[in-house]
Amino acid sequence: MGLGGTGDGKRSDAELLAAHVAGDRYAFGELFHRHRRQLHRLARLTTRTPEDAEDALQDAMLSAHRCAGSFRHDAAVGSWLHRIVVNACLDRLRRAKAHPTAPLEDVYQVADRTAQVETAIVVQRALMRLPLEQRAAVVAVDMQGYSVADTAALLGVAEGTVKSRCSRGRVRLAELLGYIRADRPAGPCMTDTGADG
C-alpha cells in the first residue's frame, strides 16, 4: 500500500484524506475503494470468521473516517489504514476471547473442494491457534509482505519483538501443520525465512 497517486490525474492517498477532512463527501469513499481488497484480505487473515473480518473492517473504516483529522502524516496513509484495521481485528478478537461463544460446526461440501482450498483452510485454522500478537506479526511479514521495520511501526513494538513473534509463530505453525514434532527443536530452516527474520 503506497501513497496511491499514479501521475495520471488521480489524487494521492494523502490528497484524498486531506480532501475528506476538508469536507469532500466522496474522497474517503475513493480512498477506501483504492485499498479495500488488501484491507479486507488483512482483516480476513487476522480474524476468525468472514463475519468478524467484515465487522472489524467496518469498525476500522468508521474509526478512520472519524479520526482522519488526527492523521499526523508521519507514515503513508495506506500504512495508517493498515494499522487501524489490525487494531480493530485485535480488539474484536480480544472481545471474543472475553466472551467466548460455541461455534457452529463447519459444513463443507467435500466434493467441491480442491486440494489448494483444503490447504488454505488448514493453514487458516492453524493461524487462528496462534496467540494474537504472533498472528499479527506473521500475517504482516509473511503474508502481507511488510518488512520487519514496517511491521514494528504498524504494531507499535520494537523490531526485535516482531522478529521474535514471527519466529515463535512460524515454529508453532510448523508444529500445528505437522512439519516438525513439538518434542524436538526446529532446525534453522524452520525458523528463518531468509528474509527479515
N, C-alpha and C. Protein backbone atom coordinates (compact mmCIF):
# COMPACT_ATOMS: atom_id res chain seq x y z
N MET A 1 0.84 -1.17 0.00
CA MET A 1 0.00 0.00 0.00
C MET A 1 0.88 1.23 0.00
N GLY A 2 0.95 1.90 -1.09
CA GLY A 2 1.79 3.07 -1.16
C GLY A 2 0.96 4.32 -0.99
N LEU A 3 1.52 5.42 -1.49
CA LEU A 3 0.82 6.69 -1.38
C LEU A 3 -0.37 6.76 -2.31
N GLY A 4 -0.38 6.00 -3.36
CA GLY A 4 -1.57 5.89 -4.18
C GLY A 4 -1.58 6.71 -5.43
N GLY A 5 -1.01 7.89 -5.49
CA GLY A 5 -1.04 8.72 -6.69
C GLY A 5 -0.34 8.03 -7.83
N THR A 6 -0.92 8.11 -9.02
CA THR A 6 -0.36 7.39 -10.16
C THR A 6 0.22 8.30 -11.21
N GLY A 7 0.07 9.59 -11.06
CA GLY A 7 0.59 10.51 -12.06
C GLY A 7 -0.35 10.68 -13.25
N ASP A 8 -1.49 10.03 -13.25
CA ASP A 8 -2.42 10.13 -14.37
C ASP A 8 -3.64 10.99 -14.00
N GLY A 9 -3.44 11.94 -13.10
CA GLY A 9 -4.54 12.81 -12.71
C GLY A 9 -5.27 12.35 -11.47
N LYS A 10 -5.01 11.16 -11.00
CA LYS A 10 -5.66 10.69 -9.79
C LYS A 10 -4.99 11.30 -8.57
N ARG A 11 -5.80 11.57 -7.56
CA ARG A 11 -5.25 12.14 -6.34
C ARG A 11 -4.54 11.07 -5.52
N SER A 12 -3.49 11.47 -4.83
CA SER A 12 -2.77 10.55 -3.95
C SER A 12 -3.63 10.25 -2.73
N ASP A 13 -3.24 9.22 -1.98
CA ASP A 13 -3.95 8.89 -0.75
C ASP A 13 -3.95 10.08 0.20
N ALA A 14 -2.81 10.74 0.33
CA ALA A 14 -2.71 11.90 1.23
C ALA A 14 -3.65 13.02 0.78
N GLU A 15 -3.73 13.23 -0.53
CA GLU A 15 -4.63 14.26 -1.05
C GLU A 15 -6.09 13.89 -0.80
N LEU A 16 -6.43 12.63 -0.96
CA LEU A 16 -7.80 12.19 -0.70
C LEU A 16 -8.16 12.36 0.77
N LEU A 17 -7.23 11.99 1.65
CA LEU A 17 -7.51 12.13 3.08
C LEU A 17 -7.67 13.61 3.45
N ALA A 18 -6.82 14.46 2.90
CA ALA A 18 -6.93 15.90 3.17
C ALA A 18 -8.25 16.45 2.62
N ALA A 19 -8.66 15.98 1.45
CA ALA A 19 -9.93 16.42 0.87
C ALA A 19 -11.09 15.97 1.75
N HIS A 20 -11.01 14.75 2.28
CA HIS A 20 -12.06 14.26 3.18
C HIS A 20 -12.16 15.15 4.42
N VAL A 21 -11.02 15.46 5.00
CA VAL A 21 -11.00 16.31 6.19
C VAL A 21 -11.57 17.70 5.87
N ALA A 22 -11.32 18.17 4.65
CA ALA A 22 -11.81 19.49 4.22
C ALA A 22 -13.29 19.48 3.85
N GLY A 23 -13.92 18.29 3.83
CA GLY A 23 -15.35 18.23 3.58
C GLY A 23 -15.78 17.58 2.28
N ASP A 24 -14.85 17.05 1.49
CA ASP A 24 -15.20 16.36 0.25
C ASP A 24 -15.95 15.07 0.60
N ARG A 25 -17.21 14.98 0.21
CA ARG A 25 -18.06 13.84 0.57
C ARG A 25 -17.61 12.53 -0.05
N TYR A 26 -16.90 12.59 -1.15
CA TYR A 26 -16.57 11.38 -1.89
C TYR A 26 -15.12 10.93 -1.71
N ALA A 27 -14.29 11.76 -1.12
CA ALA A 27 -12.85 11.46 -1.04
C ALA A 27 -12.57 10.21 -0.22
N PHE A 28 -13.22 10.06 0.93
CA PHE A 28 -12.93 8.89 1.76
C PHE A 28 -13.40 7.61 1.08
N GLY A 29 -14.52 7.67 0.40
CA GLY A 29 -15.00 6.50 -0.34
C GLY A 29 -14.01 6.07 -1.41
N GLU A 30 -13.44 7.04 -2.10
CA GLU A 30 -12.44 6.73 -3.12
C GLU A 30 -11.19 6.13 -2.48
N LEU A 31 -10.79 6.68 -1.34
CA LEU A 31 -9.62 6.16 -0.62
C LEU A 31 -9.87 4.72 -0.18
N PHE A 32 -11.04 4.47 0.40
CA PHE A 32 -11.37 3.11 0.83
C PHE A 32 -11.43 2.17 -0.37
N HIS A 33 -12.05 2.61 -1.45
CA HIS A 33 -12.16 1.78 -2.65
C HIS A 33 -10.77 1.38 -3.16
N ARG A 34 -9.83 2.28 -3.08
CA ARG A 34 -8.47 2.02 -3.55
C ARG A 34 -7.79 0.91 -2.73
N HIS A 35 -8.10 0.83 -1.45
CA HIS A 35 -7.39 -0.10 -0.55
C HIS A 35 -8.26 -1.26 -0.07
N ARG A 36 -9.52 -1.32 -0.47
CA ARG A 36 -10.45 -2.27 0.16
C ARG A 36 -10.04 -3.72 0.03
N ARG A 37 -9.51 -4.14 -1.12
CA ARG A 37 -9.17 -5.55 -1.29
C ARG A 37 -8.08 -5.98 -0.31
N GLN A 38 -7.03 -5.17 -0.23
CA GLN A 38 -5.92 -5.53 0.65
C GLN A 38 -6.35 -5.44 2.12
N LEU A 39 -7.14 -4.44 2.47
CA LEU A 39 -7.60 -4.31 3.84
C LEU A 39 -8.55 -5.45 4.21
N HIS A 40 -9.41 -5.84 3.28
CA HIS A 40 -10.32 -6.96 3.55
C HIS A 40 -9.52 -8.25 3.72
N ARG A 41 -8.54 -8.47 2.87
CA ARG A 41 -7.70 -9.67 2.99
C ARG A 41 -6.98 -9.68 4.33
N LEU A 42 -6.45 -8.56 4.73
CA LEU A 42 -5.77 -8.45 6.02
C LEU A 42 -6.74 -8.78 7.15
N ALA A 43 -7.93 -8.22 7.11
CA ALA A 43 -8.93 -8.48 8.16
C ALA A 43 -9.30 -9.96 8.17
N ARG A 44 -9.46 -10.55 7.00
CA ARG A 44 -9.83 -11.97 6.93
C ARG A 44 -8.74 -12.86 7.49
N LEU A 45 -7.49 -12.52 7.24
CA LEU A 45 -6.37 -13.32 7.75
C LEU A 45 -6.17 -13.15 9.25
N THR A 46 -6.62 -12.04 9.78
CA THR A 46 -6.36 -11.74 11.18
C THR A 46 -7.50 -12.18 12.10
N THR A 47 -8.71 -12.30 11.58
CA THR A 47 -9.85 -12.67 12.41
C THR A 47 -10.22 -14.13 12.21
N ARG A 48 -11.20 -14.57 12.98
CA ARG A 48 -11.58 -15.99 12.96
C ARG A 48 -12.58 -16.36 11.87
N THR A 49 -13.46 -15.45 11.55
CA THR A 49 -14.52 -15.78 10.59
C THR A 49 -14.67 -14.65 9.57
N PRO A 50 -15.28 -14.96 8.43
CA PRO A 50 -15.54 -13.89 7.45
C PRO A 50 -16.42 -12.78 8.04
N GLU A 51 -17.35 -13.15 8.90
CA GLU A 51 -18.22 -12.16 9.51
C GLU A 51 -17.43 -11.23 10.43
N ASP A 52 -16.51 -11.82 11.22
CA ASP A 52 -15.67 -10.99 12.08
C ASP A 52 -14.80 -10.06 11.25
N ALA A 53 -14.32 -10.55 10.11
CA ALA A 53 -13.49 -9.72 9.23
C ALA A 53 -14.29 -8.54 8.72
N GLU A 54 -15.52 -8.80 8.27
CA GLU A 54 -16.38 -7.72 7.77
C GLU A 54 -16.66 -6.70 8.87
N ASP A 55 -16.99 -7.21 10.07
CA ASP A 55 -17.29 -6.30 11.17
C ASP A 55 -16.07 -5.49 11.58
N ALA A 56 -14.92 -6.14 11.66
CA ALA A 56 -13.69 -5.43 12.04
C ALA A 56 -13.33 -4.38 10.99
N LEU A 57 -13.48 -4.74 9.71
CA LEU A 57 -13.18 -3.78 8.65
C LEU A 57 -14.12 -2.58 8.71
N GLN A 58 -15.39 -2.85 8.98
CA GLN A 58 -16.36 -1.75 9.11
C GLN A 58 -16.00 -0.87 10.31
N ASP A 59 -15.67 -1.49 11.45
CA ASP A 59 -15.26 -0.72 12.63
C ASP A 59 -14.04 0.14 12.31
N ALA A 60 -13.08 -0.46 11.60
CA ALA A 60 -11.84 0.25 11.27
C ALA A 60 -12.12 1.44 10.36
N MET A 61 -12.95 1.24 9.36
CA MET A 61 -13.21 2.33 8.42
C MET A 61 -14.01 3.45 9.07
N LEU A 62 -14.93 3.10 9.97
CA LEU A 62 -15.64 4.14 10.72
C LEU A 62 -14.67 4.93 11.58
N SER A 63 -13.75 4.23 12.22
CA SER A 63 -12.75 4.89 13.04
C SER A 63 -11.86 5.79 12.19
N ALA A 64 -11.40 5.29 11.05
CA ALA A 64 -10.55 6.09 10.16
C ALA A 64 -11.31 7.31 9.65
N HIS A 65 -12.58 7.12 9.31
CA HIS A 65 -13.42 8.22 8.81
C HIS A 65 -13.54 9.31 9.86
N ARG A 66 -13.80 8.90 11.10
CA ARG A 66 -13.98 9.87 12.19
C ARG A 66 -12.67 10.54 12.61
N CYS A 67 -11.57 9.79 12.58
CA CYS A 67 -10.30 10.29 13.11
C CYS A 67 -9.35 10.80 12.03
N ALA A 68 -9.84 10.98 10.82
CA ALA A 68 -8.97 11.39 9.72
C ALA A 68 -8.25 12.70 10.01
N GLY A 69 -8.88 13.58 10.73
CA GLY A 69 -8.27 14.86 11.05
C GLY A 69 -7.06 14.74 11.96
N SER A 70 -6.95 13.61 12.66
CA SER A 70 -5.81 13.43 13.57
C SER A 70 -4.63 12.73 12.89
N PHE A 71 -4.75 12.41 11.60
CA PHE A 71 -3.64 11.78 10.88
C PHE A 71 -2.45 12.73 10.89
N ARG A 72 -1.27 12.21 11.32
CA ARG A 72 -0.09 13.07 11.54
C ARG A 72 0.83 13.16 10.33
N HIS A 73 0.58 12.45 9.28
CA HIS A 73 1.41 12.48 8.07
C HIS A 73 2.83 12.00 8.32
N ASP A 74 3.05 11.20 9.37
CA ASP A 74 4.38 10.65 9.62
C ASP A 74 4.54 9.26 9.02
N ALA A 75 3.51 8.79 8.33
CA ALA A 75 3.54 7.50 7.65
C ALA A 75 2.63 7.61 6.43
N ALA A 76 2.70 6.62 5.57
CA ALA A 76 1.81 6.59 4.41
C ALA A 76 0.38 6.39 4.88
N VAL A 77 -0.56 6.96 4.16
CA VAL A 77 -1.97 6.80 4.50
C VAL A 77 -2.35 5.32 4.48
N GLY A 78 -1.84 4.58 3.51
CA GLY A 78 -2.13 3.15 3.44
C GLY A 78 -1.65 2.41 4.68
N SER A 79 -0.49 2.77 5.19
CA SER A 79 0.03 2.15 6.42
C SER A 79 -0.84 2.52 7.61
N TRP A 80 -1.30 3.75 7.64
CA TRP A 80 -2.20 4.20 8.70
C TRP A 80 -3.49 3.38 8.68
N LEU A 81 -4.07 3.19 7.49
CA LEU A 81 -5.29 2.38 7.37
C LEU A 81 -5.02 0.94 7.80
N HIS A 82 -3.88 0.40 7.39
CA HIS A 82 -3.50 -0.97 7.75
C HIS A 82 -3.47 -1.12 9.26
N ARG A 83 -2.84 -0.18 9.93
CA ARG A 83 -2.73 -0.25 11.39
C ARG A 83 -4.11 -0.18 12.04
N ILE A 84 -4.98 0.67 11.53
CA ILE A 84 -6.33 0.78 12.09
C ILE A 84 -7.08 -0.54 11.93
N VAL A 85 -6.93 -1.19 10.77
CA VAL A 85 -7.59 -2.48 10.54
C VAL A 85 -7.03 -3.54 11.49
N VAL A 86 -5.70 -3.61 11.61
CA VAL A 86 -5.09 -4.59 12.52
C VAL A 86 -5.60 -4.36 13.94
N ASN A 87 -5.62 -3.12 14.39
CA ASN A 87 -6.09 -2.83 15.75
C ASN A 87 -7.56 -3.21 15.93
N ALA A 88 -8.39 -2.94 14.93
CA ALA A 88 -9.81 -3.31 15.01
C ALA A 88 -9.97 -4.82 15.09
N CYS A 89 -9.17 -5.54 14.31
CA CYS A 89 -9.23 -7.01 14.34
C CYS A 89 -8.80 -7.54 15.70
N LEU A 90 -7.70 -7.01 16.22
CA LEU A 90 -7.21 -7.46 17.52
C LEU A 90 -8.21 -7.13 18.62
N ASP A 91 -8.83 -5.95 18.55
CA ASP A 91 -9.86 -5.59 19.53
C ASP A 91 -11.02 -6.58 19.47
N ARG A 92 -11.45 -6.90 18.27
CA ARG A 92 -12.56 -7.84 18.10
C ARG A 92 -12.19 -9.22 18.66
N LEU A 93 -10.96 -9.67 18.40
CA LEU A 93 -10.52 -10.97 18.91
C LEU A 93 -10.42 -10.96 20.43
N ARG A 94 -9.97 -9.87 21.00
CA ARG A 94 -9.89 -9.77 22.47
C ARG A 94 -11.29 -9.81 23.08
N ARG A 95 -12.23 -9.09 22.46
CA ARG A 95 -13.61 -9.12 22.96
C ARG A 95 -14.19 -10.52 22.85
N ALA A 96 -13.91 -11.19 21.76
CA ALA A 96 -14.43 -12.55 21.57
C ALA A 96 -13.83 -13.50 22.60
N LYS A 97 -12.56 -13.28 22.94
CA LYS A 97 -11.90 -14.12 23.93
C LYS A 97 -12.51 -13.89 25.31
N ALA A 98 -12.90 -12.65 25.59
CA ALA A 98 -13.51 -12.32 26.88
C ALA A 98 -14.94 -12.85 26.97
N HIS A 99 -15.60 -13.01 25.82
CA HIS A 99 -16.98 -13.50 25.77
C HIS A 99 -17.05 -14.65 24.77
N PRO A 100 -16.51 -15.81 25.14
CA PRO A 100 -16.46 -16.91 24.16
C PRO A 100 -17.85 -17.43 23.80
N THR A 101 -17.96 -17.88 22.58
CA THR A 101 -19.19 -18.49 22.09
C THR A 101 -18.86 -19.86 21.54
N ALA A 102 -19.85 -20.70 21.43
CA ALA A 102 -19.64 -22.02 20.86
C ALA A 102 -19.91 -21.94 19.36
N PRO A 103 -18.88 -22.18 18.54
CA PRO A 103 -19.09 -22.08 17.09
C PRO A 103 -19.95 -23.23 16.57
N LEU A 104 -20.69 -22.95 15.53
CA LEU A 104 -21.45 -23.99 14.86
C LEU A 104 -20.48 -24.86 14.09
N GLU A 105 -20.83 -26.10 13.89
CA GLU A 105 -19.95 -26.98 13.14
C GLU A 105 -19.82 -26.51 11.71
N ASP A 106 -18.60 -26.59 11.19
CA ASP A 106 -18.36 -26.24 9.80
C ASP A 106 -18.96 -27.31 8.90
N VAL A 107 -19.64 -26.87 7.88
CA VAL A 107 -20.21 -27.80 6.91
C VAL A 107 -19.60 -27.46 5.56
N TYR A 108 -18.75 -28.34 5.07
CA TYR A 108 -18.11 -28.14 3.77
C TYR A 108 -18.58 -29.22 2.81
N GLN A 109 -18.77 -28.83 1.59
CA GLN A 109 -19.08 -29.80 0.56
C GLN A 109 -17.75 -30.33 0.05
N VAL A 110 -17.40 -31.52 0.50
CA VAL A 110 -16.09 -32.09 0.21
C VAL A 110 -15.88 -32.25 -1.29
N ALA A 111 -16.90 -32.61 -2.01
CA ALA A 111 -16.75 -32.84 -3.45
C ALA A 111 -16.35 -31.57 -4.19
N ASP A 112 -16.70 -30.41 -3.66
CA ASP A 112 -16.41 -29.15 -4.33
C ASP A 112 -15.05 -28.56 -3.94
N ARG A 113 -14.36 -29.16 -3.02
CA ARG A 113 -13.11 -28.59 -2.52
C ARG A 113 -11.92 -29.15 -3.29
N THR A 114 -11.04 -28.25 -3.64
CA THR A 114 -9.79 -28.66 -4.27
C THR A 114 -8.72 -28.75 -3.20
N ALA A 115 -7.62 -29.38 -3.55
CA ALA A 115 -6.52 -29.52 -2.60
C ALA A 115 -6.01 -28.15 -2.15
N GLN A 116 -5.99 -27.20 -3.05
CA GLN A 116 -5.50 -25.86 -2.71
C GLN A 116 -6.40 -25.21 -1.66
N VAL A 117 -7.71 -25.32 -1.82
CA VAL A 117 -8.64 -24.72 -0.88
C VAL A 117 -8.54 -25.44 0.46
N GLU A 118 -8.42 -26.76 0.45
CA GLU A 118 -8.28 -27.51 1.69
C GLU A 118 -7.03 -27.08 2.44
N THR A 119 -5.94 -26.90 1.71
CA THR A 119 -4.69 -26.45 2.34
C THR A 119 -4.88 -25.07 2.95
N ALA A 120 -5.55 -24.19 2.24
CA ALA A 120 -5.79 -22.84 2.75
C ALA A 120 -6.61 -22.89 4.04
N ILE A 121 -7.59 -23.76 4.10
CA ILE A 121 -8.41 -23.90 5.29
C ILE A 121 -7.58 -24.39 6.46
N VAL A 122 -6.75 -25.39 6.21
CA VAL A 122 -5.89 -25.94 7.27
C VAL A 122 -4.94 -24.86 7.79
N VAL A 123 -4.33 -24.12 6.87
CA VAL A 123 -3.41 -23.06 7.28
C VAL A 123 -4.16 -21.97 8.04
N GLN A 124 -5.34 -21.59 7.57
CA GLN A 124 -6.14 -20.57 8.26
C GLN A 124 -6.47 -21.01 9.68
N ARG A 125 -6.86 -22.25 9.85
CA ARG A 125 -7.18 -22.76 11.19
C ARG A 125 -5.95 -22.76 12.08
N ALA A 126 -4.81 -23.14 11.51
CA ALA A 126 -3.56 -23.12 12.28
C ALA A 126 -3.22 -21.69 12.69
N LEU A 127 -3.40 -20.74 11.77
CA LEU A 127 -3.15 -19.33 12.10
C LEU A 127 -4.01 -18.88 13.27
N MET A 128 -5.27 -19.31 13.29
CA MET A 128 -6.19 -18.89 14.34
C MET A 128 -5.78 -19.43 15.71
N ARG A 129 -4.93 -20.45 15.74
CA ARG A 129 -4.49 -21.03 17.01
C ARG A 129 -3.26 -20.31 17.57
N LEU A 130 -2.68 -19.41 16.79
CA LEU A 130 -1.54 -18.64 17.28
C LEU A 130 -2.03 -17.55 18.23
N PRO A 131 -1.20 -17.17 19.20
CA PRO A 131 -1.55 -16.01 20.02
C PRO A 131 -1.72 -14.77 19.13
N LEU A 132 -2.55 -13.84 19.56
CA LEU A 132 -2.88 -12.66 18.75
C LEU A 132 -1.64 -11.92 18.26
N GLU A 133 -0.69 -11.70 19.15
CA GLU A 133 0.49 -10.92 18.80
C GLU A 133 1.33 -11.64 17.74
N GLN A 134 1.50 -12.96 17.89
CA GLN A 134 2.26 -13.73 16.90
C GLN A 134 1.53 -13.73 15.57
N ARG A 135 0.21 -13.91 15.60
CA ARG A 135 -0.56 -13.95 14.37
C ARG A 135 -0.45 -12.63 13.61
N ALA A 136 -0.57 -11.51 14.33
CA ALA A 136 -0.48 -10.20 13.68
C ALA A 136 0.88 -10.02 13.02
N ALA A 137 1.95 -10.44 13.69
CA ALA A 137 3.30 -10.30 13.13
C ALA A 137 3.49 -11.21 11.93
N VAL A 138 3.08 -12.47 12.03
CA VAL A 138 3.24 -13.42 10.93
C VAL A 138 2.43 -12.99 9.72
N VAL A 139 1.20 -12.55 9.93
CA VAL A 139 0.36 -12.11 8.81
C VAL A 139 0.99 -10.91 8.12
N ALA A 140 1.45 -9.94 8.91
CA ALA A 140 2.02 -8.73 8.31
C ALA A 140 3.30 -9.03 7.53
N VAL A 141 4.21 -9.80 8.12
CA VAL A 141 5.51 -10.05 7.49
C VAL A 141 5.41 -11.12 6.40
N ASP A 142 4.85 -12.27 6.75
CA ASP A 142 4.89 -13.41 5.83
C ASP A 142 3.76 -13.45 4.82
N MET A 143 2.63 -12.83 5.11
CA MET A 143 1.50 -12.93 4.19
C MET A 143 1.22 -11.61 3.48
N GLN A 144 1.42 -10.50 4.18
CA GLN A 144 1.19 -9.20 3.56
C GLN A 144 2.44 -8.61 2.94
N GLY A 145 3.61 -9.17 3.29
CA GLY A 145 4.86 -8.74 2.67
C GLY A 145 5.48 -7.49 3.27
N TYR A 146 5.06 -7.10 4.45
CA TYR A 146 5.66 -5.94 5.10
C TYR A 146 7.04 -6.31 5.64
N SER A 147 7.94 -5.36 5.67
CA SER A 147 9.26 -5.58 6.26
C SER A 147 9.10 -5.64 7.78
N VAL A 148 10.12 -6.15 8.44
CA VAL A 148 10.10 -6.19 9.90
C VAL A 148 9.99 -4.77 10.46
N ALA A 149 10.72 -3.84 9.87
CA ALA A 149 10.68 -2.45 10.35
C ALA A 149 9.28 -1.85 10.19
N ASP A 150 8.65 -2.06 9.03
CA ASP A 150 7.30 -1.54 8.81
C ASP A 150 6.30 -2.19 9.76
N THR A 151 6.45 -3.50 9.96
CA THR A 151 5.55 -4.21 10.87
C THR A 151 5.71 -3.70 12.29
N ALA A 152 6.95 -3.46 12.71
CA ALA A 152 7.20 -2.91 14.05
C ALA A 152 6.49 -1.57 14.20
N ALA A 153 6.58 -0.73 13.18
CA ALA A 153 5.91 0.58 13.24
C ALA A 153 4.39 0.42 13.27
N LEU A 154 3.87 -0.50 12.45
CA LEU A 154 2.42 -0.72 12.41
C LEU A 154 1.88 -1.23 13.74
N LEU A 155 2.63 -2.13 14.38
CA LEU A 155 2.16 -2.74 15.62
C LEU A 155 2.59 -1.96 16.86
N GLY A 156 3.47 -0.98 16.67
CA GLY A 156 3.92 -0.18 17.80
C GLY A 156 4.84 -0.92 18.75
N VAL A 157 5.68 -1.81 18.21
CA VAL A 157 6.63 -2.57 19.03
C VAL A 157 8.02 -2.48 18.39
N ALA A 158 9.02 -2.97 19.11
CA ALA A 158 10.39 -2.96 18.59
C ALA A 158 10.57 -4.00 17.49
N GLU A 159 11.54 -3.78 16.60
CA GLU A 159 11.81 -4.73 15.52
C GLU A 159 12.16 -6.11 16.08
N GLY A 160 12.94 -6.15 17.15
CA GLY A 160 13.29 -7.43 17.76
C GLY A 160 12.07 -8.19 18.24
N THR A 161 11.08 -7.46 18.72
CA THR A 161 9.83 -8.08 19.16
C THR A 161 9.10 -8.70 17.98
N VAL A 162 9.09 -8.01 16.85
CA VAL A 162 8.45 -8.55 15.64
C VAL A 162 9.18 -9.82 15.20
N LYS A 163 10.51 -9.78 15.18
CA LYS A 163 11.29 -10.96 14.78
C LYS A 163 11.01 -12.14 15.70
N SER A 164 10.97 -11.87 16.99
CA SER A 164 10.70 -12.92 17.96
C SER A 164 9.30 -13.50 17.78
N ARG A 165 8.32 -12.63 17.61
CA ARG A 165 6.94 -13.10 17.42
C ARG A 165 6.81 -13.90 16.13
N CYS A 166 7.47 -13.44 15.06
CA CYS A 166 7.43 -14.18 13.80
C CYS A 166 8.09 -15.54 13.96
N SER A 167 9.24 -15.56 14.59
CA SER A 167 9.97 -16.82 14.76
C SER A 167 9.15 -17.82 15.56
N ARG A 168 8.62 -17.38 16.69
CA ARG A 168 7.80 -18.27 17.52
C ARG A 168 6.52 -18.69 16.79
N GLY A 169 5.92 -17.74 16.08
CA GLY A 169 4.71 -18.06 15.33
C GLY A 169 4.96 -19.07 14.22
N ARG A 170 6.09 -18.93 13.52
CA ARG A 170 6.42 -19.88 12.45
C ARG A 170 6.67 -21.27 13.00
N VAL A 171 7.39 -21.34 14.12
CA VAL A 171 7.65 -22.65 14.72
C VAL A 171 6.33 -23.29 15.15
N ARG A 172 5.46 -22.51 15.77
CA ARG A 172 4.17 -23.04 16.21
C ARG A 172 3.31 -23.47 15.02
N LEU A 173 3.33 -22.68 13.95
CA LEU A 173 2.59 -23.07 12.74
C LEU A 173 3.13 -24.38 12.19
N ALA A 174 4.45 -24.51 12.16
CA ALA A 174 5.04 -25.75 11.66
C ALA A 174 4.60 -26.94 12.51
N GLU A 175 4.56 -26.74 13.83
CA GLU A 175 4.08 -27.81 14.71
C GLU A 175 2.62 -28.14 14.42
N LEU A 176 1.80 -27.10 14.32
CA LEU A 176 0.37 -27.30 14.08
C LEU A 176 0.10 -27.98 12.74
N LEU A 177 0.92 -27.67 11.77
CA LEU A 177 0.73 -28.23 10.44
C LEU A 177 1.44 -29.57 10.27
N GLY A 178 2.14 -30.02 11.32
CA GLY A 178 2.76 -31.33 11.30
C GLY A 178 4.09 -31.41 10.60
N TYR A 179 4.75 -30.27 10.35
CA TYR A 179 6.02 -30.29 9.66
C TYR A 179 7.18 -30.66 10.57
N ILE A 180 7.03 -30.37 11.86
CA ILE A 180 8.05 -30.79 12.82
C ILE A 180 7.34 -31.32 14.05
N ARG A 181 8.03 -32.12 14.81
CA ARG A 181 7.45 -32.62 16.05
C ARG A 181 7.70 -31.60 17.14
N ALA A 182 6.75 -31.44 18.03
CA ALA A 182 6.87 -30.47 19.10
C ALA A 182 7.93 -30.86 20.12
N ASP A 183 8.31 -32.16 20.17
CA ASP A 183 9.27 -32.61 21.18
C ASP A 183 10.72 -32.49 20.75
N ARG A 184 10.98 -31.92 19.56
CA ARG A 184 12.37 -31.70 19.17
C ARG A 184 12.49 -30.29 18.61
N PRO A 185 13.66 -29.67 18.80
CA PRO A 185 13.82 -28.30 18.31
C PRO A 185 13.81 -28.23 16.80
N ALA A 186 13.35 -27.11 16.30
CA ALA A 186 13.32 -26.89 14.86
C ALA A 186 14.72 -26.57 14.37
N GLY A 187 15.01 -27.00 13.17
CA GLY A 187 16.28 -26.65 12.55
C GLY A 187 16.23 -25.21 12.10
N PRO A 188 17.38 -24.66 11.70
CA PRO A 188 17.40 -23.25 11.31
C PRO A 188 16.49 -22.93 10.14
N CYS A 189 16.28 -23.87 9.25
CA CYS A 189 15.44 -23.57 8.10
C CYS A 189 13.97 -23.47 8.47
N MET A 190 13.58 -23.97 9.63
CA MET A 190 12.17 -23.91 10.03
C MET A 190 11.83 -22.58 10.68
N THR A 191 12.83 -21.85 11.19
CA THR A 191 12.52 -20.60 11.89
C THR A 191 12.99 -19.38 11.13
N ASP A 192 13.74 -19.57 10.05
CA ASP A 192 14.26 -18.42 9.30
C ASP A 192 13.79 -18.52 7.87
N THR A 193 13.13 -17.48 7.41
CA THR A 193 12.63 -17.48 6.04
C THR A 193 13.66 -16.96 5.07
N GLY A 194 14.77 -16.48 5.58
CA GLY A 194 15.77 -15.89 4.71
C GLY A 194 15.49 -14.43 4.42
N ALA A 195 14.37 -13.93 4.96
CA ALA A 195 14.04 -12.52 4.74
C ALA A 195 14.51 -11.72 5.94
N ASP A 196 13.62 -10.90 6.46
CA ASP A 196 13.98 -10.01 7.55
C ASP A 196 14.07 -10.70 8.90
N GLY A 197 13.68 -11.92 9.00
CA GLY A 197 13.80 -12.60 10.29
C GLY A 197 12.54 -13.16 10.69
